[in-house]
Amino acid sequence: MASGAVVRPEPGDEGLSGGPLIAPRGDSFGAVRSLLAGVALVMSCNGLLRVALGVRAELEDFGLAVTGVVMAGYFLGFLFGTKAAEHFIASVGHIRVFAALSSVGSAAAILHVVWIHPASWTLLRFAYGLCLAGILVTVESWLNDMATNATRGRML
C-alpha cells in the first residue's frame, strides 16, 4: 500500500472493539431520510442565523458597509469549504467530517453572542461558511457512496 493511501472500511470489517465497523443496512432509504432531515435542520438554522445577524449588526450600529463585509465572510468561507471538505473526506471519512464540521459550525454560530465586534464576526462567518459548505459536500458525497447504480436515480 502506498504511503498516504486512504483505506476505506467495508461492511463487516472488524473494528477495534471486535464488532463490525459498519453495520450493514438493508434500508438505505432510511439512512437517506435521516441524513436529509439533518440537512433540513442545518439549512433552517442557517436562514435564522443570517436574519438574526443582520438585525443584530444594525442594533450594534456596525454600519451598512461593515455589515456587508461581515456577511460576505460567510460566502468567502463557503468558497474555500468545498475544497477543504474534499480533502477531509478522503482523510477521515464522511461521518467524522460531518460531525466535526457540524460541531465547529455550531460553535461559530454561538460565538457571535460572545464576541460582538465586526472583525470577530467576519472570522466567525468565514468559519461558519466553510463548515456549511463542507457539510453540503459531505452529504452529497455520502449520498453518492450509499447509492448503487440501481438506486441512484431514486435516491438523488
C-alpha atoms as a PDB file:
ATOM      1  CA  MET A   1       0.000   0.000   0.000  1.00  0.00           C
ATOM      2  CA  ALA A   2       1.341   3.425  -0.954  1.00  0.00           C
ATOM      3  CA  SER A   3       2.189   5.979   1.676  1.00  0.00           C
ATOM      4  CA  GLY A   4      -0.749   8.296   2.291  1.00  0.00           C
ATOM      5  CA  ALA A   5      -3.261   5.903   0.704  1.00  0.00           C
ATOM      6  CA  VAL A   6      -6.750   6.029   2.141  1.00  0.00           C
ATOM      7  CA  VAL A   7      -8.118   2.742   3.428  1.00  0.00           C
ATOM      8  CA  ARG A   8     -11.896   2.683   3.346  1.00  0.00           C
ATOM      9  CA  PRO A   9     -13.606   0.178   5.638  1.00  0.00           C
ATOM     10  CA  GLU A  10     -16.042  -2.264   4.096  1.00  0.00           C
ATOM     11  CA  PRO A  11     -19.274  -3.506   5.687  1.00  0.00           C
ATOM     12  CA  GLY A  12     -18.475  -6.357   8.032  1.00  0.00           C
ATOM     13  CA  ASP A  13     -14.872  -5.265   8.739  1.00  0.00           C
ATOM     14  CA  GLU A  14     -13.893  -5.769  12.343  1.00  0.00           C
ATOM     15  CA  GLY A  15     -13.343  -2.579  14.326  1.00  0.00           C
ATOM     16  CA  LEU A  16     -11.131  -2.053  17.362  1.00  0.00           C
ATOM     17  CA  SER A  17     -13.778  -3.444  19.692  1.00  0.00           C
ATOM     18  CA  GLY A  18     -14.095  -6.648  17.712  1.00  0.00           C
ATOM     19  CA  GLY A  19     -17.563  -5.803  16.400  1.00  0.00           C
ATOM     20  CA  PRO A  20     -18.488  -4.834  12.871  1.00  0.00           C
ATOM     21  CA  LEU A  21     -17.027  -1.488  11.858  1.00  0.00           C
ATOM     22  CA  ILE A  22     -20.009  -0.620   9.678  1.00  0.00           C
ATOM     23  CA  ALA A  23     -23.306  -2.330  10.320  1.00  0.00           C
ATOM     24  CA  PRO A  24     -24.871  -3.441   7.042  1.00  0.00           C
ATOM     25  CA  ARG A  25     -28.266  -1.825   6.486  1.00  0.00           C
ATOM     26  CA  GLY A  26     -30.978  -3.177   4.304  1.00  0.00           C
ATOM     27  CA  ASP A  27     -32.878   0.114   4.347  1.00  0.00           C
ATOM     28  CA  SER A  28     -30.616   2.640   2.639  1.00  0.00           C
ATOM     29  CA  PHE A  29     -33.588   4.971   2.147  1.00  0.00           C
ATOM     30  CA  GLY A  30     -33.999   5.206   5.929  1.00  0.00           C
ATOM     31  CA  ALA A  31     -30.413   6.411   6.170  1.00  0.00           C
ATOM     32  CA  VAL A  32     -31.055   8.912   3.394  1.00  0.00           C
ATOM     33  CA  ARG A  33     -34.148  10.242   5.156  1.00  0.00           C
ATOM     34  CA  SER A  34     -32.162  10.737   8.361  1.00  0.00           C
ATOM     35  CA  LEU A  35     -29.352  12.466   6.512  1.00  0.00           C
ATOM     36  CA  LEU A  36     -31.719  14.778   4.657  1.00  0.00           C
ATOM     37  CA  ALA A  37     -33.590  15.590   7.875  1.00  0.00           C
ATOM     38  CA  GLY A  38     -30.269  16.701   9.370  1.00  0.00           C
ATOM     39  CA  VAL A  39     -29.530  18.850   6.328  1.00  0.00           C
ATOM     40  CA  ALA A  40     -33.004  20.413   6.510  1.00  0.00           C
ATOM     41  CA  LEU A  41     -32.378  21.332  10.145  1.00  0.00           C
ATOM     42  CA  VAL A  42     -28.961  22.822   9.316  1.00  0.00           C
ATOM     43  CA  MET A  43     -30.405  24.882   6.456  1.00  0.00           C
ATOM     44  CA  SER A  44     -33.283  26.146   8.618  1.00  0.00           C
ATOM     45  CA  CYS A  45     -30.853  27.265  11.296  1.00  0.00           C
ATOM     46  CA  ASN A  46     -28.654  28.885   8.644  1.00  0.00           C
ATOM     47  CA  GLY A  47     -31.585  31.002   7.480  1.00  0.00           C
ATOM     48  CA  LEU A  48     -32.411  32.060  11.025  1.00  0.00           C
ATOM     49  CA  LEU A  49     -28.779  32.946  11.752  1.00  0.00           C
ATOM     50  CA  ARG A  50     -28.484  35.104   8.640  1.00  0.00           C
ATOM     51  CA  VAL A  51     -31.550  37.127   9.588  1.00  0.00           C
ATOM     52  CA  ALA A  52     -30.573  37.403  13.262  1.00  0.00           C
ATOM     53  CA  LEU A  53     -27.036  38.589  12.486  1.00  0.00           C
ATOM     54  CA  GLY A  54     -28.257  41.242  10.070  1.00  0.00           C
ATOM     55  CA  VAL A  55     -30.665  42.598  12.676  1.00  0.00           C
ATOM     56  CA  ARG A  56     -28.066  42.402  15.459  1.00  0.00           C
ATOM     57  CA  ALA A  57     -25.449  44.177  13.323  1.00  0.00           C
ATOM     58  CA  GLU A  58     -27.924  47.004  12.807  1.00  0.00           C
ATOM     59  CA  LEU A  59     -28.640  47.165  16.557  1.00  0.00           C
ATOM     60  CA  GLU A  60     -24.896  47.318  17.264  1.00  0.00           C
ATOM     61  CA  ASP A  61     -24.501  50.208  14.768  1.00  0.00           C
ATOM     62  CA  PHE A  62     -21.978  48.394  12.563  1.00  0.00           C
ATOM     63  CA  GLY A  63     -22.981  50.475   9.544  1.00  0.00           C
ATOM     64  CA  LEU A  64     -24.080  49.196   6.153  1.00  0.00           C
ATOM     65  CA  ALA A  65     -20.630  48.778   4.586  1.00  0.00           C
ATOM     66  CA  VAL A  66     -19.216  46.993   7.628  1.00  0.00           C
ATOM     67  CA  THR A  67     -22.281  44.745   7.847  1.00  0.00           C
ATOM     68  CA  GLY A  68     -21.810  43.894   4.174  1.00  0.00           C
ATOM     69  CA  VAL A  69     -18.191  42.885   4.782  1.00  0.00           C
ATOM     70  CA  VAL A  70     -19.177  40.843   7.839  1.00  0.00           C
ATOM     71  CA  MET A  71     -21.882  38.983   5.935  1.00  0.00           C
ATOM     72  CA  ALA A  72     -19.560  38.440   2.945  1.00  0.00           C
ATOM     73  CA  GLY A  73     -17.226  36.472   5.213  1.00  0.00           C
ATOM     74  CA  TYR A  74     -19.743  33.620   5.021  1.00  0.00           C
ATOM     75  CA  PHE A  75     -19.512  33.411   1.241  1.00  0.00           C
ATOM     76  CA  LEU A  76     -15.730  33.546   1.288  1.00  0.00           C
ATOM     77  CA  GLY A  77     -15.718  30.634   3.721  1.00  0.00           C
ATOM     78  CA  PHE A  78     -18.256  28.818   1.546  1.00  0.00           C
ATOM     79  CA  LEU A  79     -15.872  29.163  -1.396  1.00  0.00           C
ATOM     80  CA  PHE A  80     -12.970  27.545   0.460  1.00  0.00           C
ATOM     81  CA  GLY A  81     -15.106  24.978   2.280  1.00  0.00           C
ATOM     82  CA  THR A  82     -15.752  22.872  -0.791  1.00  0.00           C
ATOM     83  CA  LYS A  83     -12.088  22.090  -1.368  1.00  0.00           C
ATOM     84  CA  ALA A  84     -11.355  21.606   2.322  1.00  0.00           C
ATOM     85  CA  ALA A  85     -14.193  19.080   2.656  1.00  0.00           C
ATOM     86  CA  GLU A  86     -12.870  17.042  -0.255  1.00  0.00           C
ATOM     87  CA  HIS A  87      -9.516  16.694   1.491  1.00  0.00           C
ATOM     88  CA  PHE A  88     -11.068  15.894   4.884  1.00  0.00           C
ATOM     89  CA  ILE A  89     -13.424  13.236   3.480  1.00  0.00           C
ATOM     90  CA  ALA A  90     -10.544  11.465   1.776  1.00  0.00           C
ATOM     91  CA  SER A  91      -8.567  11.549   5.025  1.00  0.00           C
ATOM     92  CA  VAL A  92     -11.071  10.527   7.719  1.00  0.00           C
ATOM     93  CA  GLY A  93     -14.412   9.660   6.106  1.00  0.00           C
ATOM     94  CA  HIS A  94     -17.910  11.063   5.868  1.00  0.00           C
ATOM     95  CA  ILE A  95     -19.170  10.503   9.394  1.00  0.00           C
ATOM     96  CA  ARG A  96     -16.250  12.180  11.132  1.00  0.00           C
ATOM     97  CA  VAL A  97     -16.196  15.119   8.718  1.00  0.00           C
ATOM     98  CA  PHE A  98     -19.953  15.666   9.088  1.00  0.00           C
ATOM     99  CA  ALA A  99     -19.723  15.537  12.891  1.00  0.00           C
ATOM    100  CA  ALA A 100     -16.665  17.791  13.104  1.00  0.00           C
ATOM    101  CA  LEU A 101     -17.984  20.414  10.697  1.00  0.00           C
ATOM    102  CA  SER A 102     -21.379  20.423  12.412  1.00  0.00           C
ATOM    103  CA  SER A 103     -19.711  20.949  15.788  1.00  0.00           C
ATOM    104  CA  VAL A 104     -17.381  23.709  14.613  1.00  0.00           C
ATOM    105  CA  GLY A 105     -20.198  25.405  12.686  1.00  0.00           C
ATOM    106  CA  SER A 106     -22.430  25.320  15.762  1.00  0.00           C
ATOM    107  CA  ALA A 107     -19.661  26.787  17.902  1.00  0.00           C
ATOM    108  CA  ALA A 108     -19.067  29.544  15.343  1.00  0.00           C
ATOM    109  CA  ALA A 109     -22.770  30.417  15.369  1.00  0.00           C
ATOM    110  CA  ILE A 110     -22.908  30.539  19.168  1.00  0.00           C
ATOM    111  CA  LEU A 111     -19.737  32.635  19.496  1.00  0.00           C
ATOM    112  CA  HIS A 112     -21.378  35.567  17.699  1.00  0.00           C
ATOM    113  CA  VAL A 113     -23.052  36.339  21.025  1.00  0.00           C
ATOM    114  CA  VAL A 114     -19.757  36.237  22.937  1.00  0.00           C
ATOM    115  CA  TRP A 115     -17.649  38.464  20.658  1.00  0.00           C
ATOM    116  CA  ILE A 116     -19.619  41.423  19.356  1.00  0.00           C
ATOM    117  CA  HIS A 117     -17.113  43.059  17.039  1.00  0.00           C
ATOM    118  CA  PRO A 118     -17.116  43.289  13.230  1.00  0.00           C
ATOM    119  CA  ALA A 119     -13.682  41.664  12.843  1.00  0.00           C
ATOM    120  CA  SER A 120     -14.552  38.687  15.030  1.00  0.00           C
ATOM    121  CA  TRP A 121     -17.932  38.316  13.351  1.00  0.00           C
ATOM    122  CA  THR A 122     -16.240  38.287   9.933  1.00  0.00           C
ATOM    123  CA  LEU A 123     -13.919  35.480  11.044  1.00  0.00           C
ATOM    124  CA  LEU A 124     -16.808  33.570  12.599  1.00  0.00           C
ATOM    125  CA  ARG A 125     -18.879  33.998   9.435  1.00  0.00           C
ATOM    126  CA  PHE A 126     -15.912  32.701   7.414  1.00  0.00           C
ATOM    127  CA  ALA A 127     -15.650  29.640   9.671  1.00  0.00           C
ATOM    128  CA  TYR A 128     -19.406  29.086   9.521  1.00  0.00           C
ATOM    129  CA  GLY A 129     -19.447  29.322   5.721  1.00  0.00           C
ATOM    130  CA  LEU A 130     -16.523  26.922   5.475  1.00  0.00           C
ATOM    131  CA  CYS A 131     -18.336  24.445   7.718  1.00  0.00           C
ATOM    132  CA  LEU A 132     -21.666  24.715   5.935  1.00  0.00           C
ATOM    133  CA  ALA A 133     -20.108  24.196   2.504  1.00  0.00           C
ATOM    134  CA  GLY A 134     -18.188  21.249   3.896  1.00  0.00           C
ATOM    135  CA  ILE A 135     -21.380  19.758   5.336  1.00  0.00           C
ATOM    136  CA  LEU A 136     -23.172  20.046   1.998  1.00  0.00           C
ATOM    137  CA  VAL A 137     -20.264  18.495   0.071  1.00  0.00           C
ATOM    138  CA  THR A 138     -20.044  15.723   2.653  1.00  0.00           C
ATOM    139  CA  VAL A 139     -23.752  14.948   2.398  1.00  0.00           C
ATOM    140  CA  GLU A 140     -23.681  14.869  -1.393  1.00  0.00           C
ATOM    141  CA  SER A 141     -20.611  12.643  -1.415  1.00  0.00           C
ATOM    142  CA  TRP A 142     -22.149  10.427   1.250  1.00  0.00           C
ATOM    143  CA  LEU A 143     -25.332  10.015  -0.780  1.00  0.00           C
ATOM    144  CA  ASN A 144     -23.310   9.103  -3.863  1.00  0.00           C
ATOM    145  CA  ASP A 145     -21.396   6.500  -1.867  1.00  0.00           C
ATOM    146  CA  MET A 146     -24.613   4.983  -0.470  1.00  0.00           C
ATOM    147  CA  ALA A 147     -26.322   4.783  -3.857  1.00  0.00           C
ATOM    148  CA  THR A 148     -25.913   1.835  -6.169  1.00  0.00           C
ATOM    149  CA  ASN A 149     -26.401   2.115  -9.909  1.00  0.00           C
ATOM    150  CA  ALA A 150     -29.888   0.642  -9.460  1.00  0.00           C
ATOM    151  CA  THR A 151     -30.953   3.120  -6.732  1.00  0.00           C
ATOM    152  CA  ARG A 152     -29.041   6.269  -7.678  1.00  0.00           C
ATOM    153  CA  GLY A 153     -31.897   7.967  -9.553  1.00  0.00           C
ATOM    154  CA  ARG A 154     -34.487   7.295  -6.850  1.00  0.00           C
ATOM    155  CA  MET A 155     -32.102   8.246  -4.051  1.00  0.00           C
ATOM    156  CA  LEU A 156     -30.942  11.538  -5.513  1.00  0.00           C
END
